[in-house]
Amino acid sequence: MNANRHTTGQRTTPEADMAAYDALPSGLRAALTEASQNYSAEAVLTAVAEDGLAEADALALLAGREEERG
């Protein structure tokens, strides 16, 4: 798991990241589960909940990163 938070650079814990994962909408949880890379659920939750990123936009960003990494 990514040890950095989305905007603050603060360290995280597996427990905090799993709590964030549980708080995500089901579509984003599925995308993170199926991703070939490890992404921080806290970063995704921060982008959606605090920064106002729409779920569809977050899914598109994750899909684009997956394509880039091939």
N, C-alpha and C. Protein backbone atom coordinates (compact mmCIF):
# COMPACT_ATOMS: atom_id res chain seq x y z
N MET A 1 0.82 -1.18 0.00
CA MET A 1 0.00 0.00 0.00
C MET A 1 0.87 1.25 0.00
N ASN A 2 0.36 2.25 -0.62
CA ASN A 2 1.05 3.53 -0.65
C ASN A 2 1.05 4.12 0.75
N ALA A 3 2.21 4.57 1.20
CA ALA A 3 2.33 5.10 2.55
C ALA A 3 2.11 6.61 2.62
N ASN A 4 1.75 7.24 1.55
CA ASN A 4 1.58 8.69 1.56
C ASN A 4 0.13 9.08 1.36
N ARG A 5 -0.29 10.11 2.06
CA ARG A 5 -1.63 10.66 1.90
C ARG A 5 -1.67 11.52 0.65
N HIS A 6 -2.85 11.71 0.14
CA HIS A 6 -3.08 12.43 -1.12
C HIS A 6 -2.49 13.85 -1.11
N THR A 7 -2.84 14.67 -0.15
CA THR A 7 -2.42 16.06 -0.22
C THR A 7 -1.42 16.45 0.86
N THR A 8 -1.33 15.70 1.93
CA THR A 8 -0.52 16.13 3.06
C THR A 8 0.83 15.45 3.15
N GLY A 9 1.00 14.32 2.51
CA GLY A 9 2.24 13.58 2.62
C GLY A 9 2.38 12.87 3.95
N GLN A 10 1.31 12.86 4.76
CA GLN A 10 1.37 12.18 6.04
C GLN A 10 1.38 10.67 5.83
N ARG A 11 2.10 9.99 6.71
CA ARG A 11 2.13 8.54 6.64
C ARG A 11 0.77 7.99 7.04
N THR A 12 0.49 6.79 6.58
CA THR A 12 -0.76 6.14 6.89
C THR A 12 -0.46 4.75 7.44
N THR A 13 -1.50 4.06 7.83
CA THR A 13 -1.37 2.69 8.31
C THR A 13 -2.28 1.80 7.48
N PRO A 14 -2.03 0.51 7.46
CA PRO A 14 -2.95 -0.39 6.75
C PRO A 14 -4.38 -0.29 7.28
N GLU A 15 -4.51 -0.10 8.59
CA GLU A 15 -5.85 0.00 9.18
C GLU A 15 -6.58 1.23 8.66
N ALA A 16 -5.88 2.37 8.61
CA ALA A 16 -6.49 3.61 8.13
C ALA A 16 -6.84 3.49 6.65
N ASP A 17 -5.97 2.84 5.88
CA ASP A 17 -6.24 2.69 4.46
C ASP A 17 -7.44 1.77 4.23
N MET A 18 -7.56 0.71 5.04
CA MET A 18 -8.72 -0.18 4.91
C MET A 18 -10.00 0.52 5.33
N ALA A 19 -9.94 1.37 6.34
CA ALA A 19 -11.12 2.14 6.75
C ALA A 19 -11.55 3.06 5.61
N ALA A 20 -10.58 3.68 4.94
CA ALA A 20 -10.89 4.53 3.79
C ALA A 20 -11.49 3.69 2.67
N TYR A 21 -10.92 2.52 2.42
CA TYR A 21 -11.44 1.61 1.40
C TYR A 21 -12.91 1.28 1.68
N ASP A 22 -13.21 0.97 2.93
CA ASP A 22 -14.58 0.64 3.31
C ASP A 22 -15.54 1.81 3.12
N ALA A 23 -15.03 3.03 3.20
CA ALA A 23 -15.86 4.23 3.05
C ALA A 23 -16.10 4.62 1.59
N LEU A 24 -15.35 4.02 0.67
CA LEU A 24 -15.49 4.37 -0.75
C LEU A 24 -16.77 3.77 -1.34
N PRO A 25 -17.30 4.41 -2.38
CA PRO A 25 -18.42 3.82 -3.12
C PRO A 25 -17.99 2.48 -3.72
N SER A 26 -18.94 1.58 -3.90
CA SER A 26 -18.63 0.22 -4.35
C SER A 26 -17.88 0.18 -5.68
N GLY A 27 -18.17 1.09 -6.59
CA GLY A 27 -17.47 1.10 -7.87
C GLY A 27 -15.98 1.38 -7.72
N LEU A 28 -15.65 2.30 -6.84
CA LEU A 28 -14.24 2.61 -6.61
C LEU A 28 -13.55 1.48 -5.85
N ARG A 29 -14.26 0.84 -4.92
CA ARG A 29 -13.67 -0.32 -4.22
C ARG A 29 -13.35 -1.41 -5.22
N ALA A 30 -14.26 -1.66 -6.14
CA ALA A 30 -14.03 -2.69 -7.16
C ALA A 30 -12.84 -2.34 -8.04
N ALA A 31 -12.75 -1.07 -8.43
CA ALA A 31 -11.63 -0.65 -9.28
C ALA A 31 -10.29 -0.81 -8.57
N LEU A 32 -10.24 -0.48 -7.28
CA LEU A 32 -9.00 -0.64 -6.53
C LEU A 32 -8.66 -2.11 -6.35
N THR A 33 -9.66 -2.94 -6.15
CA THR A 33 -9.44 -4.38 -5.98
C THR A 33 -8.89 -5.00 -7.25
N GLU A 34 -9.39 -4.55 -8.39
CA GLU A 34 -8.99 -5.13 -9.67
C GLU A 34 -7.73 -4.50 -10.25
N ALA A 35 -7.26 -3.42 -9.69
CA ALA A 35 -6.09 -2.71 -10.23
C ALA A 35 -4.84 -3.58 -10.13
N SER A 36 -3.99 -3.44 -11.13
CA SER A 36 -2.74 -4.21 -11.14
C SER A 36 -1.68 -3.59 -10.22
N GLN A 37 -1.87 -2.33 -9.86
CA GLN A 37 -0.95 -1.63 -8.97
C GLN A 37 -1.64 -1.36 -7.65
N ASN A 38 -0.85 -1.10 -6.62
CA ASN A 38 -1.42 -0.71 -5.33
C ASN A 38 -1.65 0.79 -5.32
N TYR A 39 -2.86 1.18 -5.01
CA TYR A 39 -3.21 2.58 -4.87
C TYR A 39 -3.71 2.82 -3.45
N SER A 40 -3.47 3.98 -2.92
CA SER A 40 -3.91 4.33 -1.59
C SER A 40 -5.40 4.65 -1.59
N ALA A 41 -6.16 3.85 -0.85
CA ALA A 41 -7.59 4.13 -0.74
C ALA A 41 -7.82 5.47 -0.05
N GLU A 42 -6.92 5.83 0.87
CA GLU A 42 -7.03 7.13 1.53
C GLU A 42 -6.90 8.26 0.52
N ALA A 43 -5.99 8.12 -0.41
CA ALA A 43 -5.80 9.16 -1.43
C ALA A 43 -7.05 9.29 -2.30
N VAL A 44 -7.62 8.16 -2.67
CA VAL A 44 -8.83 8.18 -3.50
C VAL A 44 -9.98 8.79 -2.71
N LEU A 45 -10.15 8.38 -1.46
CA LEU A 45 -11.23 8.92 -0.64
C LEU A 45 -11.06 10.43 -0.43
N THR A 46 -9.84 10.87 -0.21
CA THR A 46 -9.58 12.30 -0.04
C THR A 46 -9.96 13.06 -1.31
N ALA A 47 -9.58 12.52 -2.46
CA ALA A 47 -9.89 13.17 -3.73
C ALA A 47 -11.39 13.27 -3.95
N VAL A 48 -12.12 12.23 -3.56
CA VAL A 48 -13.57 12.20 -3.77
C VAL A 48 -14.30 13.02 -2.70
N ALA A 49 -13.99 12.74 -1.45
CA ALA A 49 -14.76 13.34 -0.35
C ALA A 49 -14.35 14.77 -0.04
N GLU A 50 -13.05 15.06 -0.08
CA GLU A 50 -12.58 16.39 0.33
C GLU A 50 -12.32 17.32 -0.85
N ASP A 51 -11.83 16.76 -1.95
CA ASP A 51 -11.50 17.60 -3.10
C ASP A 51 -12.63 17.72 -4.11
N GLY A 52 -13.69 16.93 -3.92
CA GLY A 52 -14.87 17.03 -4.78
C GLY A 52 -14.77 16.31 -6.11
N LEU A 53 -13.83 15.39 -6.26
CA LEU A 53 -13.71 14.64 -7.50
C LEU A 53 -14.89 13.69 -7.62
N ALA A 54 -15.58 13.73 -8.73
CA ALA A 54 -16.73 12.85 -8.95
C ALA A 54 -16.26 11.41 -9.07
N GLU A 55 -17.11 10.48 -8.63
CA GLU A 55 -16.75 9.06 -8.70
C GLU A 55 -16.39 8.65 -10.12
N ALA A 56 -17.15 9.10 -11.10
CA ALA A 56 -16.87 8.74 -12.50
C ALA A 56 -15.50 9.25 -12.93
N ASP A 57 -15.14 10.45 -12.48
CA ASP A 57 -13.83 11.00 -12.81
C ASP A 57 -12.71 10.21 -12.13
N ALA A 58 -12.94 9.81 -10.89
CA ALA A 58 -11.94 9.01 -10.17
C ALA A 58 -11.75 7.67 -10.87
N LEU A 59 -12.84 7.06 -11.31
CA LEU A 59 -12.74 5.79 -12.04
C LEU A 59 -11.97 5.97 -13.34
N ALA A 60 -12.23 7.07 -14.03
CA ALA A 60 -11.52 7.34 -15.29
C ALA A 60 -10.03 7.55 -15.05
N LEU A 61 -9.68 8.25 -13.97
CA LEU A 61 -8.26 8.44 -13.65
C LEU A 61 -7.57 7.12 -13.34
N LEU A 62 -8.23 6.28 -12.56
CA LEU A 62 -7.65 4.97 -12.24
C LEU A 62 -7.48 4.13 -13.50
N ALA A 63 -8.50 4.15 -14.36
CA ALA A 63 -8.42 3.39 -15.61
C ALA A 63 -7.28 3.91 -16.48
N GLY A 64 -7.11 5.22 -16.55
CA GLY A 64 -6.03 5.80 -17.34
C GLY A 64 -4.66 5.41 -16.80
N ARG A 65 -4.50 5.39 -15.50
CA ARG A 65 -3.22 4.98 -14.91
C ARG A 65 -2.94 3.52 -15.16
N GLU A 66 -3.98 2.70 -15.13
CA GLU A 66 -3.80 1.28 -15.41
C GLU A 66 -3.35 1.08 -16.86
N GLU A 67 -3.93 1.85 -17.78
CA GLU A 67 -3.55 1.75 -19.20
C GLU A 67 -2.10 2.19 -19.39
N GLU A 68 -1.69 3.27 -18.70
CA GLU A 68 -0.33 3.76 -18.83
C GLU A 68 0.68 2.73 -18.36
N ARG A 69 0.34 2.00 -17.31
CA ARG A 69 1.26 1.02 -16.75
C ARG A 69 1.22 -0.30 -17.52
N GLY A 70 0.14 -0.46 -18.32
CA GLY A 70 -0.02 -1.62 -19.17
C GLY A 70 0.22 -2.88 -18.52
